[in-house]
Amino acid sequence: MKNINRTVKIVATGTLLLLAAVASAQPPQVQIETLVTADGAAAGTTLRAAIRVYLAPGFHVNSNKPLEDFLIPTALIPLPPDGITVTEITYPEAGLLEQKGAEIPLAVFEERFAIGVLLTLANDLPVGTYTVPGTLRYQACDETMCYMPTTATFDWGVRVWPEGTTVTAQPSEVLDGIVFGGENAVVPGSGGAEFVVPAWEAPGVFETDDVVTMLHDFEILGTTGGYLDSEDFLSFVSAAEAGEAGLGWFEGRGPLTILVLILIGGLALNLTPCVLPMIPINIAIIGAGARAGSRVRGL
């Protein structure tokens, strides 16, 4: 009975550790607070709004204008209804983050930042309450790695009052600190890329969402794995593009050869520091037997 309880505890602990590892690999979620400068506005006027983004401690995201082309920018994509137009998006000033081994620093937004938006209401917009949804596309990174890009959704509530109605201002230090019309502002129609739906948000050209089916439309030029330095990685890419990519361990080999390689790999695994010390302990447990008085007998 004691052995059973011990086994259950070990399995439970291992499961918890596995779940923790899987959770740590998931992209961290952000918290978004929506803000508006007043409780409403009349048709034909412009309303200031913003989102306040909260990242987990130790995380950052790339700015809307990263310094390297391969980095994924943070993009605010508002989706206003008819009668409401986004006339400006103002991103915060990016900070420069030095990364070990990188020649160029990263332009990033750190744990708390705000993005401002100007919402212009059409002259003929009927009185009522409207919802202005939006998405924030970002890639969160910490000191050691970057996670998969993800999207957070939010929405502003906009109330249109009859003309002449006295509106109540909603004081906000965040909105007061946003410099609309400054050098960090993006105006629709001015060529600002931030108003173009990013490539990873654009509709796909495939007729199916099944990843396995889509893979049939691709040709694999080469495969590799593990940690590669820049020289090895560039050599791999060049060889793959030239059609000279080397075969993997199991590629082009028969079942018997693959079985032998697996057996050799399994034996080699026993020599690793995390397995080798456990071998005599396992022998002792097995040798003593489940009903033995002492596991020392297994030796």
Protein backbone atom coordinates (compact mmCIF):
# COMPACT_ATOMS: atom_id res chain seq x y z
CA MET A 1 0.00 0.00 0.00
CA LYS A 2 2.88 2.33 0.83
CA ASN A 3 4.44 1.61 -2.55
CA ILE A 4 1.17 2.45 -4.28
CA ASN A 5 0.85 5.74 -2.40
CA ARG A 6 4.46 6.58 -3.24
CA THR A 7 3.84 5.86 -6.92
CA VAL A 8 0.70 7.98 -6.94
CA LYS A 9 2.58 10.90 -5.37
CA ILE A 10 5.41 10.62 -7.89
CA VAL A 11 3.00 10.51 -10.84
CA ALA A 12 1.00 13.46 -9.46
CA THR A 13 4.15 15.51 -8.93
CA GLY A 14 5.39 14.73 -12.43
CA THR A 15 2.02 15.70 -13.90
CA LEU A 16 2.04 19.03 -12.09
CA LEU A 17 5.58 19.75 -13.28
CA LEU A 18 4.59 18.89 -16.85
CA LEU A 19 1.54 21.14 -16.71
CA ALA A 20 3.67 23.96 -15.31
CA ALA A 21 6.16 23.54 -18.16
CA VAL A 22 3.39 23.60 -20.76
CA ALA A 23 1.84 26.69 -19.17
CA SER A 24 5.18 28.49 -19.15
CA ALA A 25 5.50 27.96 -22.92
CA GLN A 26 2.19 29.70 -23.61
CA PRO A 27 2.24 33.37 -24.63
CA PRO A 28 1.56 35.55 -21.58
CA GLN A 29 -1.76 37.35 -21.68
CA VAL A 30 -2.05 41.09 -21.24
CA GLN A 31 -4.63 43.09 -19.35
CA ILE A 32 -6.24 45.96 -21.23
CA GLU A 33 -8.07 48.90 -19.70
CA THR A 34 -10.15 51.12 -22.02
CA LEU A 35 -10.45 54.85 -21.38
CA VAL A 36 -12.46 57.72 -22.90
CA THR A 37 -12.13 61.41 -22.14
CA ALA A 38 -15.85 61.99 -21.47
CA ASP A 39 -19.04 60.06 -20.85
CA GLY A 40 -20.27 61.02 -24.31
CA ALA A 41 -20.03 63.48 -27.16
CA ALA A 42 -22.24 65.14 -29.74
CA ALA A 43 -22.32 64.11 -33.40
CA GLY A 44 -19.71 65.93 -35.47
CA THR A 45 -17.15 66.08 -32.67
CA THR A 46 -14.01 64.13 -31.85
CA LEU A 47 -13.59 62.00 -28.76
CA ARG A 48 -10.25 61.06 -27.25
CA ALA A 49 -9.86 57.45 -26.18
CA ALA A 50 -7.04 55.13 -25.19
CA ILE A 51 -6.13 51.67 -24.01
CA ARG A 52 -3.83 51.01 -21.07
CA VAL A 53 -1.86 47.79 -21.46
CA TYR A 54 -0.48 45.84 -18.51
CA LEU A 55 2.19 43.19 -19.09
CA ALA A 56 3.38 40.67 -16.55
CA PRO A 57 6.53 41.71 -14.65
CA GLY A 58 9.70 41.11 -16.64
CA PHE A 59 8.00 41.15 -20.05
CA HIS A 60 8.09 43.60 -22.93
CA VAL A 61 6.70 43.85 -26.47
CA ASN A 62 8.22 45.27 -29.63
CA SER A 63 7.21 48.83 -30.44
CA ASN A 64 5.02 49.66 -33.43
CA LYS A 65 8.23 50.50 -35.32
CA PRO A 66 10.87 47.90 -34.40
CA LEU A 67 14.43 48.57 -35.50
CA GLU A 68 14.78 45.21 -37.26
CA ASP A 69 12.56 44.10 -40.15
CA PHE A 70 12.16 40.55 -38.85
CA LEU A 71 10.68 41.66 -35.51
CA ILE A 72 6.91 41.61 -35.11
CA PRO A 73 5.52 45.09 -34.32
CA THR A 74 2.81 45.86 -31.82
CA ALA A 75 -0.26 46.94 -33.77
CA LEU A 76 -3.53 48.47 -32.59
CA ILE A 77 -6.28 47.63 -35.07
CA PRO A 78 -9.56 49.45 -34.33
CA LEU A 79 -12.73 48.25 -36.03
CA PRO A 80 -15.18 51.16 -35.67
CA PRO A 81 -18.80 50.89 -36.84
CA ASP A 82 -20.27 53.05 -39.59
CA GLY A 83 -20.43 56.69 -38.57
CA ILE A 84 -17.34 56.58 -36.36
CA THR A 85 -13.90 57.13 -37.88
CA VAL A 86 -10.48 56.63 -36.36
CA THR A 87 -8.57 59.75 -37.34
CA GLU A 88 -5.39 59.11 -35.38
CA ILE A 89 -3.55 56.48 -33.37
CA THR A 90 -0.76 57.65 -31.10
CA TYR A 91 1.72 55.11 -29.84
CA PRO A 92 3.97 55.75 -26.83
CA GLU A 93 7.64 56.60 -27.02
CA ALA A 94 9.62 53.37 -27.35
CA GLY A 95 12.42 52.51 -24.97
CA LEU A 96 15.70 50.97 -26.09
CA LEU A 97 16.56 47.60 -24.60
CA GLU A 98 20.09 46.25 -24.90
CA GLN A 99 20.23 42.53 -25.58
CA LYS A 100 23.30 40.40 -24.93
CA GLY A 101 24.93 39.40 -28.21
CA ALA A 102 22.88 41.85 -30.31
CA GLU A 103 24.52 44.79 -32.03
CA ILE A 104 21.30 46.80 -32.35
CA PRO A 105 19.11 47.49 -29.28
CA LEU A 106 15.42 46.64 -29.33
CA ALA A 107 12.74 49.33 -29.51
CA VAL A 108 10.19 48.10 -26.98
CA PHE A 109 7.18 48.98 -24.87
CA GLU A 110 7.69 47.75 -21.33
CA GLU A 111 5.35 46.53 -18.61
CA ARG A 112 2.82 49.40 -18.73
CA PHE A 113 2.05 51.57 -21.73
CA ALA A 114 -0.88 53.41 -23.31
CA ILE A 115 -2.00 53.90 -26.91
CA GLY A 116 -4.25 56.84 -27.74
CA VAL A 117 -6.97 57.04 -30.39
CA LEU A 118 -9.05 59.90 -31.80
CA LEU A 119 -12.62 58.87 -32.64
CA THR A 120 -14.47 61.30 -34.92
CA LEU A 121 -18.26 61.07 -34.90
CA ALA A 122 -20.10 61.73 -38.16
CA ASN A 123 -22.36 64.80 -38.32
CA ASP A 124 -25.43 62.63 -38.98
CA LEU A 125 -24.63 59.95 -36.40
CA PRO A 126 -27.87 59.18 -34.53
CA VAL A 127 -28.07 59.59 -30.77
CA GLY A 128 -27.34 56.35 -28.95
CA THR A 129 -24.70 54.07 -27.52
CA TYR A 130 -22.10 52.48 -29.77
CA THR A 131 -19.39 49.88 -29.33
CA VAL A 132 -16.00 50.39 -30.97
CA PRO A 133 -14.15 47.06 -30.92
CA GLY A 134 -10.46 46.66 -31.51
CA THR A 135 -7.61 44.21 -31.33
CA LEU A 136 -4.05 44.52 -30.09
CA ARG A 137 -1.55 42.32 -31.87
CA TYR A 138 1.69 41.80 -29.95
CA GLN A 139 4.57 39.45 -29.29
CA ALA A 140 5.64 39.27 -25.68
CA CYS A 141 9.27 38.58 -24.78
CA ASP A 142 11.27 38.23 -21.59
CA GLU A 143 15.03 38.24 -21.02
CA THR A 144 15.55 34.79 -22.51
CA MET A 145 12.94 34.18 -25.21
CA CYS A 146 10.04 35.51 -27.25
CA TYR A 147 6.65 33.82 -27.29
CA MET A 148 4.21 33.21 -30.13
CA PRO A 149 2.44 36.36 -31.37
CA THR A 150 -1.08 36.66 -30.06
CA THR A 151 -4.08 38.98 -30.18
CA ALA A 152 -6.05 40.60 -27.37
CA THR A 153 -9.51 42.02 -27.97
CA PHE A 154 -11.23 44.96 -26.31
CA ASP A 155 -13.89 47.57 -27.01
CA TRP A 156 -14.72 51.15 -26.15
CA GLY A 157 -18.22 52.27 -25.26
CA VAL A 158 -19.15 55.54 -27.00
CA ARG A 159 -22.33 57.45 -26.22
CA VAL A 160 -23.66 60.07 -28.63
CA TRP A 161 -25.62 62.83 -26.91
CA PRO A 162 -28.06 65.28 -28.54
CA GLU A 163 -26.45 68.55 -29.58
CA GLY A 164 -26.23 71.01 -26.71
CA THR A 165 -26.09 68.34 -24.00
CA THR A 166 -23.56 69.03 -21.27
CA VAL A 167 -21.10 66.15 -21.15
CA THR A 168 -19.18 65.11 -18.07
CA ALA A 169 -15.42 64.92 -18.43
CA GLN A 170 -13.70 61.83 -17.09
CA PRO A 171 -10.27 62.94 -15.83
CA SER A 172 -7.48 60.54 -16.71
CA GLU A 173 -3.76 60.96 -16.17
CA VAL A 174 -3.20 58.41 -18.93
CA LEU A 175 -5.14 60.41 -21.53
CA ASP A 176 -3.60 63.67 -20.34
CA GLY A 177 -0.14 62.19 -20.87
CA ILE A 178 -0.75 61.20 -24.50
CA VAL A 179 0.55 63.75 -27.01
CA PHE A 180 -1.93 63.57 -29.88
CA GLY A 181 -0.66 64.96 -33.17
CA GLY A 182 2.97 64.38 -32.21
CA GLU A 183 5.71 62.45 -33.96
CA ASN A 184 4.38 59.14 -32.68
CA ALA A 185 0.94 59.70 -34.22
CA VAL A 186 -0.26 57.69 -37.20
CA VAL A 187 -2.93 59.24 -39.44
CA PRO A 188 -5.04 57.09 -41.78
CA GLY A 189 -4.26 57.68 -45.43
CA SER A 190 -0.77 59.00 -44.73
CA GLY A 191 0.94 55.74 -45.59
CA GLY A 192 1.31 54.60 -42.00
CA ALA A 193 1.78 50.85 -42.08
CA GLU A 194 0.10 50.52 -38.70
CA PHE A 195 -3.27 51.11 -40.33
CA VAL A 196 -2.75 48.27 -42.78
CA VAL A 197 -3.91 44.92 -41.47
CA PRO A 198 -0.65 43.04 -40.79
CA ALA A 199 0.17 40.02 -42.90
CA TRP A 200 -0.52 37.66 -40.00
CA GLU A 201 -4.03 39.15 -39.69
CA ALA A 202 -4.85 39.12 -43.41
CA PRO A 203 -7.20 36.43 -44.77
CA GLY A 204 -5.33 33.32 -45.86
CA VAL A 205 -5.19 32.07 -49.43
CA PHE A 206 -5.86 28.49 -48.43
CA GLU A 207 -9.26 26.88 -48.80
CA THR A 208 -8.93 24.96 -45.55
CA ASP A 209 -7.79 25.59 -41.99
CA ASP A 210 -6.47 22.04 -41.62
CA VAL A 211 -2.73 22.39 -41.04
CA VAL A 212 -2.01 18.84 -42.23
CA THR A 213 -3.85 19.48 -45.50
CA MET A 214 -2.02 22.77 -46.06
CA LEU A 215 1.35 21.06 -45.63
CA HIS A 216 0.77 19.21 -48.90
CA ASP A 217 1.19 22.56 -50.69
CA PHE A 218 4.72 22.98 -49.34
CA GLU A 219 7.98 21.32 -50.27
CA ILE A 220 10.37 20.56 -47.42
CA LEU A 221 13.87 21.52 -48.55
CA GLY A 222 15.62 20.55 -45.35
CA THR A 223 15.21 19.94 -41.66
CA THR A 224 17.39 20.60 -38.64
CA GLY A 225 17.05 20.96 -34.90
CA GLY A 226 18.76 21.75 -31.64
CA TYR A 227 20.78 24.86 -30.88
CA LEU A 228 22.64 26.27 -33.88
CA ASP A 229 24.94 29.25 -33.90
CA SER A 230 24.56 31.81 -36.68
CA GLU A 231 27.25 30.22 -38.88
CA ASP A 232 25.73 26.72 -38.67
CA PHE A 233 22.22 28.04 -39.27
CA LEU A 234 23.25 30.07 -42.33
CA SER A 235 25.09 27.03 -43.69
CA PHE A 236 21.95 24.95 -43.24
CA VAL A 237 19.79 27.54 -45.04
CA SER A 238 22.26 27.86 -47.93
CA ALA A 239 22.49 24.10 -48.34
CA ALA A 240 18.70 23.73 -48.25
CA GLU A 241 18.20 26.42 -50.89
CA ALA A 242 20.82 24.75 -53.09
CA GLY A 243 19.16 21.36 -52.70
CA GLU A 244 22.11 19.99 -50.77
CA ALA A 245 20.46 19.58 -47.39
CA GLY A 246 21.74 16.53 -45.54
CA LEU A 247 19.48 13.66 -44.58
CA GLY A 248 18.26 13.24 -41.04
CA TRP A 249 19.15 10.26 -38.89
CA PHE A 250 16.12 8.25 -40.01
CA GLU A 251 15.63 9.58 -43.54
CA GLY A 252 16.24 7.02 -46.30
CA ARG A 253 16.92 4.20 -43.83
CA GLY A 254 15.15 0.87 -43.46
CA PRO A 255 13.12 -0.26 -40.41
CA LEU A 256 15.94 -2.47 -39.06
CA THR A 257 18.49 0.36 -39.21
CA ILE A 258 16.07 2.73 -37.51
CA LEU A 259 15.45 0.17 -34.75
CA VAL A 260 19.21 -0.22 -34.16
CA LEU A 261 19.66 3.56 -33.99
CA ILE A 262 16.82 3.83 -31.47
CA LEU A 263 18.37 1.09 -29.30
CA ILE A 264 21.77 2.80 -29.40
CA GLY A 265 20.15 6.10 -28.48
CA GLY A 266 18.32 4.46 -25.59
CA LEU A 267 21.53 2.96 -24.23
CA ALA A 268 23.31 6.29 -24.58
CA LEU A 269 20.49 7.95 -22.67
CA ASN A 270 21.36 5.82 -19.63
CA LEU A 271 24.72 7.58 -19.41
CA THR A 272 23.21 11.04 -18.95
CA PRO A 273 23.57 12.65 -15.48
CA CYS A 274 19.84 12.55 -14.79
CA VAL A 275 19.48 8.80 -15.52
CA LEU A 276 22.76 7.13 -14.53
CA PRO A 277 22.51 7.79 -10.74
CA MET A 278 19.02 6.25 -10.69
CA ILE A 279 20.06 2.88 -12.14
CA PRO A 280 21.34 1.30 -8.86
CA ILE A 281 18.33 2.68 -6.99
CA ASN A 282 15.93 1.09 -9.48
CA ILE A 283 17.84 -2.20 -9.28
CA ALA A 284 17.55 -2.11 -5.48
CA ILE A 285 13.81 -1.50 -5.60
CA ILE A 286 13.18 -4.23 -8.16
CA GLY A 287 15.48 -6.72 -6.41
CA ALA A 288 13.92 -6.23 -2.99
CA GLY A 289 10.44 -6.89 -4.27
CA ALA A 290 7.20 -5.20 -3.32
CA ARG A 291 6.76 -7.23 -0.11
CA ALA A 292 10.36 -7.30 1.10
CA GLY A 293 11.09 -6.04 4.56
CA SER A 294 13.96 -3.84 3.41
CA ARG A 295 14.92 -2.49 0.02
CA VAL A 296 18.58 -2.84 1.00
CA ARG A 297 18.22 -6.52 0.09
CA GLY A 298 18.00 -5.47 -3.55
CA LEU A 299 21.71 -4.66 -3.53
